[in-house]
PDB file of all heavy atoms in Angstrom:
ATOM      1  N   LEU A   1      87.286 269.509 180.493  1.00  0.00           N
ATOM      2  CA  LEU A   1      87.310 270.947 180.783  1.00  0.00           C
ATOM      3  C   LEU A   1      87.171 271.192 182.283  1.00  0.00           C
ATOM      4  O   LEU A   1      87.866 272.054 182.845  1.00  0.00           O
ATOM      5  CB  LEU A   1      86.193 271.632 180.013  1.00  0.00           C
ATOM      6  CG  LEU A   1      86.166 273.173 180.044  1.00  0.00           C
ATOM      7  CD1 LEU A   1      87.472 273.752 179.514  1.00  0.00           C
ATOM      8  CD2 LEU A   1      84.987 273.705 179.231  1.00  0.00           C
ATOM      9  N   LEU A   2      86.308 270.434 182.945  1.00  0.00           N
ATOM     10  CA  LEU A   2      86.149 270.569 184.393  1.00  0.00           C
ATOM     11  C   LEU A   2      87.407 270.202 185.117  1.00  0.00           C
ATOM     12  O   LEU A   2      87.853 270.901 186.057  1.00  0.00           O
ATOM     13  CB  LEU A   2      85.006 269.675 184.869  1.00  0.00           C
ATOM     14  CG  LEU A   2      83.591 270.082 184.449  1.00  0.00           C
ATOM     15  CD1 LEU A   2      82.572 269.025 184.866  1.00  0.00           C
ATOM     16  CD2 LEU A   2      83.196 271.414 185.055  1.00  0.00           C
ATOM     17  N   PHE A   3      88.059 269.101 184.698  1.00  0.00           N
ATOM     18  CA  PHE A   3      89.322 268.694 185.326  1.00  0.00           C
ATOM     19  C   PHE A   3      90.404 269.771 185.140  1.00  0.00           C
ATOM     20  O   PHE A   3      91.166 270.067 186.053  1.00  0.00           O
ATOM     21  CB  PHE A   3      89.809 267.379 184.723  1.00  0.00           C
ATOM     22  CG  PHE A   3      89.056 266.166 185.223  1.00  0.00           C
ATOM     23  CD1 PHE A   3      89.151 264.973 184.546  1.00  0.00           C
ATOM     24  CD2 PHE A   3      88.260 266.245 186.334  1.00  0.00           C
ATOM     25  CE1 PHE A   3      88.472 263.857 184.980  1.00  0.00           C
ATOM     26  CE2 PHE A   3      87.568 265.125 186.803  1.00  0.00           C
ATOM     27  CZ  PHE A   3      87.685 263.929 186.128  1.00  0.00           C
ATOM     28  N   PHE A   4      90.441 270.342 183.927  1.00  0.00           N
ATOM     29  CA  PHE A   4      91.456 271.359 183.636  1.00  0.00           C
ATOM     30  C   PHE A   4      91.261 272.583 184.539  1.00  0.00           C
ATOM     31  O   PHE A   4      92.238 273.099 185.129  1.00  0.00           O
ATOM     32  CB  PHE A   4      91.393 271.778 182.167  1.00  0.00           C
ATOM     33  CG  PHE A   4      92.508 272.694 181.748  1.00  0.00           C
ATOM     34  CD1 PHE A   4      93.714 272.182 181.309  1.00  0.00           C
ATOM     35  CD2 PHE A   4      92.344 274.068 181.799  1.00  0.00           C
ATOM     36  CE1 PHE A   4      94.745 273.040 180.929  1.00  0.00           C
ATOM     37  CE2 PHE A   4      93.364 274.933 181.427  1.00  0.00           C
ATOM     38  CZ  PHE A   4      94.563 274.412 180.993  1.00  0.00           C
ATOM     39  N   ILE A   5      90.029 273.045 184.659  1.00  0.00           N
ATOM     40  CA  ILE A   5      89.774 274.239 185.464  1.00  0.00           C
ATOM     41  C   ILE A   5      90.025 273.973 186.951  1.00  0.00           C
ATOM     42  O   ILE A   5      90.621 274.805 187.649  1.00  0.00           O
ATOM     43  CB  ILE A   5      88.323 274.727 185.261  1.00  0.00           C
ATOM     44  CG1 ILE A   5      88.126 275.231 183.839  1.00  0.00           C
ATOM     45  CG2 ILE A   5      87.946 275.808 186.258  1.00  0.00           C
ATOM     46  CD1 ILE A   5      86.683 275.577 183.481  1.00  0.00           C
ATOM     47  N   TYR A   6      89.632 272.810 187.425  1.00  0.00           N
ATOM     48  CA  TYR A   6      89.714 272.530 188.858  1.00  0.00           C
ATOM     49  C   TYR A   6      91.107 272.057 189.313  1.00  0.00           C
ATOM     50  O   TYR A   6      91.583 272.455 190.389  1.00  0.00           O
ATOM     51  CB  TYR A   6      88.669 271.481 189.242  1.00  0.00           C
ATOM     52  CG  TYR A   6      88.536 271.260 190.730  1.00  0.00           C
ATOM     53  CD1 TYR A   6      88.209 272.317 191.581  1.00  0.00           C
ATOM     54  CD2 TYR A   6      88.725 270.000 191.292  1.00  0.00           C
ATOM     55  CE1 TYR A   6      88.070 272.125 192.949  1.00  0.00           C
ATOM     56  CE2 TYR A   6      88.590 269.796 192.661  1.00  0.00           C
ATOM     57  CZ  TYR A   6      88.266 270.865 193.491  1.00  0.00           C
ATOM     58  OH  TYR A   6      88.135 270.674 194.839  1.00  0.00           O
ATOM     59  N   PHE A   7      91.759 271.249 188.464  1.00  0.00           N
ATOM     60  CA  PHE A   7      93.027 270.661 188.881  1.00  0.00           C
ATOM     61  C   PHE A   7      94.253 271.346 188.270  1.00  0.00           C
ATOM     62  O   PHE A   7      95.321 271.351 188.892  1.00  0.00           O
ATOM     63  CB  PHE A   7      93.060 269.174 188.503  1.00  0.00           C
ATOM     64  CG  PHE A   7      92.061 268.342 189.254  1.00  0.00           C
ATOM     65  CD1 PHE A   7      91.007 267.744 188.568  1.00  0.00           C
ATOM     66  CD2 PHE A   7      92.151 268.167 190.613  1.00  0.00           C
ATOM     67  CE1 PHE A   7      90.063 266.977 189.243  1.00  0.00           C
ATOM     68  CE2 PHE A   7      91.208 267.410 191.305  1.00  0.00           C
ATOM     69  CZ  PHE A   7      90.175 266.809 190.627  1.00  0.00           C
ATOM     70  N   VAL A   8      94.117 271.919 187.075  1.00  0.00           N
ATOM     71  CA  VAL A   8      95.277 272.487 186.384  1.00  0.00           C
ATOM     72  C   VAL A   8      95.420 273.989 186.625  1.00  0.00           C
ATOM     73  O   VAL A   8      96.536 274.491 186.821  1.00  0.00           O
ATOM     74  CB  VAL A   8      95.214 272.189 184.857  1.00  0.00           C
ATOM     75  CG1 VAL A   8      96.403 272.808 184.135  1.00  0.00           C
ATOM     76  CG2 VAL A   8      95.161 270.681 184.618  1.00  0.00           C
ATOM     77  N   MET A   9      94.298 274.704 186.586  1.00  0.00           N
ATOM     78  CA  MET A   9      94.370 276.163 186.716  1.00  0.00           C
ATOM     79  C   MET A   9      95.038 276.642 188.010  1.00  0.00           C
ATOM     80  O   MET A   9      95.670 277.702 188.012  1.00  0.00           O
ATOM     81  CB  MET A   9      92.973 276.783 186.582  1.00  0.00           C
ATOM     82  CG  MET A   9      92.372 276.683 185.189  1.00  0.00           C
ATOM     83  SD  MET A   9      93.465 277.337 183.885  1.00  0.00           S
ATOM     84  CE  MET A   9      93.513 279.061 184.330  1.00  0.00           C
ATOM     85  N   PRO A  10      94.940 275.904 189.131  1.00  0.00           N
ATOM     86  CA  PRO A  10      95.678 276.336 190.318  1.00  0.00           C
ATOM     87  C   PRO A  10      97.170 276.453 190.104  1.00  0.00           C
ATOM     88  O   PRO A  10      97.856 277.246 190.758  1.00  0.00           O
ATOM     89  CB  PRO A  10      95.349 275.254 191.349  1.00  0.00           C
ATOM     90  CG  PRO A  10      93.991 274.774 190.960  1.00  0.00           C
ATOM     91  CD  PRO A  10      94.003 274.802 189.460  1.00  0.00           C
ATOM     92  N   ASP A  11      97.721 275.660 189.154  1.00  0.00           N
ATOM     93  CA  ASP A  11      99.146 275.776 188.832  1.00  0.00           C
ATOM     94  C   ASP A  11      99.495 277.126 188.209  1.00  0.00           C
ATOM     95  O   ASP A  11     100.648 277.550 188.218  1.00  0.00           O
ATOM     96  CB  ASP A  11      99.569 274.664 187.871  1.00  0.00           C
ATOM     97  CG  ASP A  11      99.441 273.275 188.528  1.00  0.00           C
ATOM     98  OD1 ASP A  11      99.451 273.215 189.771  1.00  0.00           O
ATOM     99  OD2 ASP A  11      99.366 272.276 187.782  1.00  0.00           O
ATOM    100  N   PHE A  12      98.471 277.789 187.653  1.00  0.00           N
ATOM    101  CA  PHE A  12      98.661 279.105 187.040  1.00  0.00           C
ATOM    102  C   PHE A  12      98.155 280.230 187.944  1.00  0.00           C
ATOM    103  O   PHE A  12      98.006 281.358 187.510  1.00  0.00           O
ATOM    104  CB  PHE A  12      97.944 279.166 185.700  1.00  0.00           C
ATOM    105  CG  PHE A  12      98.454 278.189 184.689  1.00  0.00           C
ATOM    106  CD1 PHE A  12      97.852 276.927 184.544  1.00  0.00           C
ATOM    107  CD2 PHE A  12      99.551 278.492 183.893  1.00  0.00           C
ATOM    108  CE1 PHE A  12      98.324 276.020 183.610  1.00  0.00           C
ATOM    109  CE2 PHE A  12     100.022 277.587 182.953  1.00  0.00           C
ATOM    110  CZ  PHE A  12      99.429 276.351 182.817  1.00  0.00           C
ATOM    111  N   GLY A  13      97.876 279.884 189.195  1.00  0.00           N
ATOM    112  CA  GLY A  13      97.479 280.900 190.175  1.00  0.00           C
ATOM    113  C   GLY A  13      95.989 281.144 190.316  1.00  0.00           C
ATOM    114  O   GLY A  13      95.591 282.075 191.006  1.00  0.00           O
ATOM    115  N   LEU A  14      95.160 280.343 189.638  1.00  0.00           N
ATOM    116  CA  LEU A  14      93.711 280.515 189.734  1.00  0.00           C
ATOM    117  C   LEU A  14      93.089 279.303 190.420  1.00  0.00           C
ATOM    118  O   LEU A  14      92.912 278.255 189.812  1.00  0.00           O
ATOM    119  CB  LEU A  14      93.090 280.704 188.335  1.00  0.00           C
ATOM    120  CG  LEU A  14      91.568 280.890 188.298  1.00  0.00           C
ATOM    121  CD1 LEU A  14      91.172 282.148 189.043  1.00  0.00           C
ATOM    122  CD2 LEU A  14      91.050 280.949 186.866  1.00  0.00           C
ATOM    123  N   SER A  15      92.786 279.474 191.688  1.00  0.00           N
ATOM    124  CA  SER A  15      92.194 278.379 192.473  1.00  0.00           C
ATOM    125  C   SER A  15      90.715 278.671 192.704  1.00  0.00           C
ATOM    126  O   SER A  15      90.348 279.737 193.231  1.00  0.00           O
ATOM    127  CB  SER A  15      92.920 278.246 193.804  1.00  0.00           C
ATOM    128  OG  SER A  15      94.266 277.867 193.640  1.00  0.00           O
ATOM    129  N   LEU A  16      89.883 277.735 192.307  1.00  0.00           N
ATOM    130  CA  LEU A  16      88.447 277.877 192.457  1.00  0.00           C
ATOM    131  C   LEU A  16      87.912 276.741 193.320  1.00  0.00           C
ATOM    132  O   LEU A  16      88.505 275.660 193.371  1.00  0.00           O
ATOM    133  CB  LEU A  16      87.754 277.846 191.101  1.00  0.00           C
ATOM    134  CG  LEU A  16      88.148 278.928 190.090  1.00  0.00           C
ATOM    135  CD1 LEU A  16      87.462 278.665 188.760  1.00  0.00           C
ATOM    136  CD2 LEU A  16      87.764 280.310 190.602  1.00  0.00           C
ATOM    137  N   THR A  17      86.787 276.982 193.981  1.00  0.00           N
ATOM    138  CA  THR A  17      86.130 275.891 194.690  1.00  0.00           C
ATOM    139  C   THR A  17      85.534 274.943 193.659  1.00  0.00           C
ATOM    140  O   THR A  17      85.410 275.280 192.465  1.00  0.00           O
ATOM    141  CB  THR A  17      85.002 276.430 195.599  1.00  0.00           C
ATOM    142  OG1 THR A  17      83.973 277.011 194.760  1.00  0.00           O
ATOM    143  CG2 THR A  17      85.537 277.479 196.567  1.00  0.00           C
ATOM    144  N   ALA A  18      85.170 273.754 194.116  1.00  0.00           N
ATOM    145  CA  ALA A  18      84.593 272.774 193.199  1.00  0.00           C
ATOM    146  C   ALA A  18      83.316 273.315 192.567  1.00  0.00           C
ATOM    147  O   ALA A  18      83.062 273.124 191.365  1.00  0.00           O
ATOM    148  CB  ALA A  18      84.310 271.467 193.937  1.00  0.00           C
ATOM    149  N   LEU A  19      82.502 274.007 193.370  1.00  0.00           N
ATOM    150  CA  LEU A  19      81.251 274.559 192.846  1.00  0.00           C
ATOM    151  C   LEU A  19      81.522 275.631 191.806  1.00  0.00           C
ATOM    152  O   LEU A  19      80.888 275.639 190.726  1.00  0.00           O
ATOM    153  CB  LEU A  19      80.408 275.143 193.968  1.00  0.00           C
ATOM    154  CG  LEU A  19      79.084 275.787 193.599  1.00  0.00           C
ATOM    155  CD1 LEU A  19      78.163 274.791 192.917  1.00  0.00           C
ATOM    156  CD2 LEU A  19      78.400 276.398 194.830  1.00  0.00           C
ATOM    157  N   GLN A  20      82.453 276.525 192.089  1.00  0.00           N
ATOM    158  CA  GLN A  20      82.812 277.573 191.124  1.00  0.00           C
ATOM    159  C   GLN A  20      83.364 276.970 189.834  1.00  0.00           C
ATOM    160  O   GLN A  20      83.006 277.409 188.736  1.00  0.00           O
ATOM    161  CB  GLN A  20      83.827 278.527 191.743  1.00  0.00           C
ATOM    162  CG  GLN A  20      83.274 279.379 192.872  1.00  0.00           C
ATOM    163  CD  GLN A  20      84.370 280.121 193.616  1.00  0.00           C
ATOM    164  OE1 GLN A  20      85.545 279.754 193.566  1.00  0.00           O
ATOM    165  NE2 GLN A  20      83.983 281.179 194.317  1.00  0.00           N
ATOM    166  N   ALA A  21      84.224 275.983 189.974  1.00  0.00           N
ATOM    167  CA  ALA A  21      84.799 275.331 188.792  1.00  0.00           C
ATOM    168  C   ALA A  21      83.738 274.616 187.972  1.00  0.00           C
ATOM    169  O   ALA A  21      83.762 274.634 186.740  1.00  0.00           O
ATOM    170  CB  ALA A  21      85.887 274.338 189.219  1.00  0.00           C
ATOM    171  N   GLY A  22      82.774 273.996 188.658  1.00  0.00           N
ATOM    172  CA  GLY A  22      81.693 273.311 187.962  1.00  0.00           C
ATOM    173  C   GLY A  22      80.829 274.263 187.172  1.00  0.00           C
ATOM    174  O   GLY A  22      80.489 274.005 186.002  1.00  0.00           O
ATOM    175  N   ILE A  23      80.474 275.380 187.793  1.00  0.00           N
ATOM    176  CA  ILE A  23      79.655 276.386 187.095  1.00  0.00           C
ATOM    177  C   ILE A  23      80.412 276.975 185.915  1.00  0.00           C
ATOM    178  O   ILE A  23      79.866 277.093 184.812  1.00  0.00           O
ATOM    179  CB  ILE A  23      79.250 277.501 188.097  1.00  0.00           C
ATOM    180  CG1 ILE A  23      78.259 276.948 189.120  1.00  0.00           C
ATOM    181  CG2 ILE A  23      78.635 278.683 187.350  1.00  0.00           C
ATOM    182  CD1 ILE A  23      77.911 277.916 190.227  1.00  0.00           C
ATOM    183  N   LEU A  24      81.662 277.344 186.138  1.00  0.00           N
ATOM    184  CA  LEU A  24      82.469 277.962 185.079  1.00  0.00           C
ATOM    185  C   LEU A  24      82.710 276.977 183.930  1.00  0.00           C
ATOM    186  O   LEU A  24      82.571 277.350 182.762  1.00  0.00           O
ATOM    187  CB  LEU A  24      83.807 278.441 185.666  1.00  0.00           C
ATOM    188  CG  LEU A  24      84.735 279.171 184.685  1.00  0.00           C
ATOM    189  CD1 LEU A  24      84.075 280.433 184.145  1.00  0.00           C
ATOM    190  CD2 LEU A  24      86.070 279.497 185.375  1.00  0.00           C
ATOM    191  N   GLY A  25      83.058 275.740 184.258  1.00  0.00           N
ATOM    192  CA  GLY A  25      83.360 274.757 183.227  1.00  0.00           C
ATOM    193  C   GLY A  25      82.161 274.431 182.369  1.00  0.00           C
ATOM    194  O   GLY A  25      82.244 274.421 181.139  1.00  0.00           O
ATOM    195  N   LEU A  26      81.023 274.211 183.025  1.00  0.00           N
ATOM    196  CA  LEU A  26      79.815 273.908 182.266  1.00  0.00           C
ATOM    197  C   LEU A  26      79.374 275.111 181.445  1.00  0.00           C
ATOM    198  O   LEU A  26      78.912 274.958 180.298  1.00  0.00           O
ATOM    199  CB  LEU A  26      78.694 273.482 183.219  1.00  0.00           C
ATOM    200  CG  LEU A  26      77.499 272.740 182.629  1.00  0.00           C
ATOM    201  CD1 LEU A  26      77.948 271.423 182.033  1.00  0.00           C
ATOM    202  CD2 LEU A  26      76.442 272.509 183.700  1.00  0.00           C
ATOM    203  N   GLY A  27      79.512 276.297 182.016  1.00  0.00           N
ATOM    204  CA  GLY A  27      79.143 277.509 181.289  1.00  0.00           C
ATOM    205  C   GLY A  27      79.992 277.729 180.056  1.00  0.00           C
ATOM    206  O   GLY A  27      79.492 278.060 178.975  1.00  0.00           O
ATOM    207  N   ILE A  28      81.301 277.551 180.193  1.00  0.00           N
ATOM    208  CA  ILE A  28      82.205 277.728 179.044  1.00  0.00           C
ATOM    209  C   ILE A  28      81.923 276.672 177.977  1.00  0.00           C
ATOM    210  O   ILE A  28      81.875 276.987 176.775  1.00  0.00           O
ATOM    211  CB  ILE A  28      83.664 277.636 179.510  1.00  0.00           C
ATOM    212  CG1 ILE A  28      84.033 278.855 180.373  1.00  0.00           C
ATOM    213  CG2 ILE A  28      84.615 277.543 178.303  1.00  0.00           C
ATOM    214  CD1 ILE A  28      85.415 278.804 180.974  1.00  0.00           C
ATOM    215  N   ALA A  29      81.725 275.443 178.416  1.00  0.00           N
ATOM    216  CA  ALA A  29      81.481 274.360 177.443  1.00  0.00           C
ATOM    217  C   ALA A  29      80.215 274.621 176.634  1.00  0.00           C
ATOM    218  O   ALA A  29      80.191 274.470 175.411  1.00  0.00           O
ATOM    219  CB  ALA A  29      81.374 273.022 178.179  1.00  0.00           C
ATOM    220  N   TYR A  30      79.154 275.038 177.309  1.00  0.00           N
ATOM    221  CA  TYR A  30      77.880 275.246 176.628  1.00  0.00           C
ATOM    222  C   TYR A  30      77.799 276.567 175.887  1.00  0.00           C
ATOM    223  O   TYR A  30      76.887 276.778 175.084  1.00  0.00           O
ATOM    224  CB  TYR A  30      76.717 275.115 177.601  1.00  0.00           C
ATOM    225  CG  TYR A  30      76.127 273.726 177.642  1.00  0.00           C
ATOM    226  CD1 TYR A  30      76.626 272.764 178.518  1.00  0.00           C
ATOM    227  CD2 TYR A  30      75.131 273.354 176.765  1.00  0.00           C
ATOM    228  CE1 TYR A  30      76.116 271.494 178.544  1.00  0.00           C
ATOM    229  CE2 TYR A  30      74.616 272.071 176.774  1.00  0.00           C
ATOM    230  CZ  TYR A  30      75.109 271.139 177.671  1.00  0.00           C
ATOM    231  OH  TYR A  30      74.605 269.862 177.681  1.00  0.00           O
ATOM    232  N   SER A  31      78.765 277.476 176.115  1.00  0.00           N
ATOM    233  CA  SER A  31      78.752 278.738 175.382  1.00  0.00           C
ATOM    234  C   SER A  31      78.911 278.498 173.883  1.00  0.00           C
ATOM    235  O   SER A  31      78.391 279.286 173.074  1.00  0.00           O
ATOM    236  CB  SER A  31      79.868 279.646 175.895  1.00  0.00           C
ATOM    237  OG  SER A  31      81.148 279.172 175.548  1.00  0.00           O
ATOM    238  N   ALA A  32      79.602 277.419 173.512  1.00  0.00           N
ATOM    239  CA  ALA A  32      79.760 277.118 172.082  1.00  0.00           C
ATOM    240  C   ALA A  32      78.419 276.781 171.440  1.00  0.00           C
ATOM    241  O   ALA A  32      78.115 277.255 170.335  1.00  0.00           O
ATOM    242  CB  ALA A  32      80.737 275.952 171.913  1.00  0.00           C
ATOM    243  N   TYR A  33      77.592 276.010 172.137  1.00  0.00           N
ATOM    244  CA  TYR A  33      76.289 275.630 171.596  1.00  0.00           C
ATOM    245  C   TYR A  33      75.318 276.813 171.639  1.00  0.00           C
ATOM    246  O   TYR A  33      74.504 276.987 170.736  1.00  0.00           O
ATOM    247  CB  TYR A  33      75.739 274.445 172.378  1.00  0.00           C
ATOM    248  CG  TYR A  33      76.660 273.271 172.404  1.00  0.00           C
ATOM    249  CD1 TYR A  33      77.466 273.001 173.539  1.00  0.00           C
ATOM    250  CD2 TYR A  33      76.804 272.442 171.298  1.00  0.00           C
ATOM    251  CE1 TYR A  33      78.341 271.932 173.534  1.00  0.00           C
ATOM    252  CE2 TYR A  33      77.683 271.373 171.305  1.00  0.00           C
ATOM    253  CZ  TYR A  33      78.447 271.127 172.418  1.00  0.00           C
ATOM    254  OH  TYR A  33      79.339 270.080 172.430  1.00  0.00           O
ATOM    255  N   GLN A  34      75.423 277.613 172.693  1.00  0.00           N
ATOM    256  CA  GLN A  34      74.595 278.813 172.775  1.00  0.00           C
ATOM    257  C   GLN A  34      74.955 279.754 171.611  1.00  0.00           C
ATOM    258  O   GLN A  34      74.060 280.378 171.007  1.00  0.00           O
ATOM    259  CB  GLN A  34      74.823 279.552 174.103  1.00  0.00           C
ATOM    260  CG  GLN A  34      74.392 278.769 175.333  1.00  0.00           C
ATOM    261  CD  GLN A  34      72.911 278.911 175.605  1.00  0.00           C
ATOM    262  OE1 GLN A  34      72.116 279.021 174.703  1.00  0.00           O
ATOM    263  NE2 GLN A  34      72.537 278.875 176.881  1.00  0.00           N
ATOM    264  N   SER A  35      76.231 279.872 171.313  1.00  0.00           N
ATOM    265  CA  SER A  35      76.681 280.762 170.253  1.00  0.00           C
ATOM    266  C   SER A  35      76.091 280.369 168.909  1.00  0.00           C
ATOM    267  O   SER A  35      75.568 281.217 168.150  1.00  0.00           O
ATOM    268  CB  SER A  35      78.206 280.743 170.164  1.00  0.00           C
ATOM    269  OG  SER A  35      78.656 281.454 169.022  1.00  0.00           O
ATOM    270  N   GLU A  36      76.120 279.083 168.588  1.00  0.00           N
ATOM    271  CA  GLU A  36      75.567 278.621 167.319  1.00  0.00           C
ATOM    272  C   GLU A  36      74.059 278.843 167.265  1.00  0.00           C
ATOM    273  O   GLU A  36      73.511 279.160 166.214  1.00  0.00           O
ATOM    274  CB  GLU A  36      75.905 277.139 167.111  1.00  0.00           C
ATOM    275  CG  GLU A  36      77.388 276.882 166.880  1.00  0.00           C
ATOM    276  CD  GLU A  36      77.904 277.588 165.644  1.00  0.00           C
ATOM    277  OE1 GLU A  36      77.746 277.058 164.543  1.00  0.00           O
ATOM    278  OE2 GLU A  36      78.491 278.684 165.789  1.00  0.00           O
ATOM    279  N   ASN A  37      73.405 278.689 168.400  1.00  0.00           N
ATOM    280  CA  ASN A  37      71.980 278.935 168.491  1.00  0.00           C
ATOM    281  C   ASN A  37      71.676 280.409 168.233  1.00  0.00           C
ATOM    282  O   ASN A  37      70.802 280.754 167.434  1.00  0.00           O
ATOM    283  CB  ASN A  37      71.477 278.519 169.876  1.00  0.00           C
ATOM    284  CG  ASN A  37      69.980 278.724 170.039  1.00  0.00           C
ATOM    285  OD1 ASN A  37      69.196 278.560 169.108  1.00  0.00           O
ATOM    286  ND2 ASN A  37      69.585 279.105 171.243  1.00  0.00           N
ATOM    287  N   PHE A  38      72.427 281.294 168.891  1.00  0.00           N
ATOM    288  CA  PHE A  38      72.217 282.731 168.723  1.00  0.00           C
ATOM    289  C   PHE A  38      72.548 283.164 167.292  1.00  0.00           C
ATOM    290  O   PHE A  38      71.862 284.012 166.703  1.00  0.00           O
ATOM    291  CB  PHE A  38      73.044 283.528 169.721  1.00  0.00           C
ATOM    292  CG  PHE A  38      72.620 283.332 171.141  1.00  0.00           C
ATOM    293  CD1 PHE A  38      73.562 283.327 172.175  1.00  0.00           C
ATOM    294  CD2 PHE A  38      71.291 283.149 171.479  1.00  0.00           C
ATOM    295  CE1 PHE A  38      73.178 283.160 173.471  1.00  0.00           C
ATOM    296  CE2 PHE A  38      70.892 282.976 172.785  1.00  0.00           C
ATOM    297  CZ  PHE A  38      71.842 282.975 173.793  1.00  0.00           C
ATOM    298  N   ARG A  39      73.629 282.614 166.744  1.00  0.00           N
ATOM    299  CA  ARG A  39      74.038 282.994 165.387  1.00  0.00           C
ATOM    300  C   ARG A  39      72.964 282.615 164.379  1.00  0.00           C
ATOM    301  O   ARG A  39      72.634 283.388 163.470  1.00  0.00           O
ATOM    302  CB  ARG A  39      75.356 282.320 165.003  1.00  0.00           C
ATOM    303  CG  ARG A  39      75.873 282.692 163.626  1.00  0.00           C
ATOM    304  CD  ARG A  39      77.237 282.084 163.376  1.00  0.00           C
ATOM    305  NE  ARG A  39      77.188 280.654 163.302  1.00  0.00           N
ATOM    306  CZ  ARG A  39      76.963 279.961 162.194  1.00  0.00           C
ATOM    307  NH1 ARG A  39      76.744 280.594 161.028  1.00  0.00           N
ATOM    308  NH2 ARG A  39      76.952 278.640 162.194  1.00  0.00           N
ATOM    309  N   ALA A  40      72.384 281.431 164.561  1.00  0.00           N
ATOM    310  CA  ALA A  40      71.304 281.000 163.661  1.00  0.00           C
ATOM    311  C   ALA A  40      70.108 281.937 163.774  1.00  0.00           C
ATOM    312  O   ALA A  40      69.484 282.276 162.766  1.00  0.00           O
ATOM    313  CB  ALA A  40      70.907 279.565 163.982  1.00  0.00           C
ATOM    314  N   GLY A  41      69.804 282.378 165.005  1.00  0.00           N
ATOM    315  CA  GLY A  41      68.701 283.293 165.193  1.00  0.00           C
ATOM    316  C   GLY A  41      68.947 284.644 164.564  1.00  0.00           C
ATOM    317  O   GLY A  41      68.050 285.231 163.932  1.00  0.00           O
TER     318      GLY A  41
END
């Protein structure tokens, strides 16, 4: 997911710095686990 955001998304016009891509990628990836946690609650 990090590779896709940082290396592939610029081909679609979205260029992010490495730090921005790292934050966004990790946040998106963990949103799935957060969602299941919140749903259970």
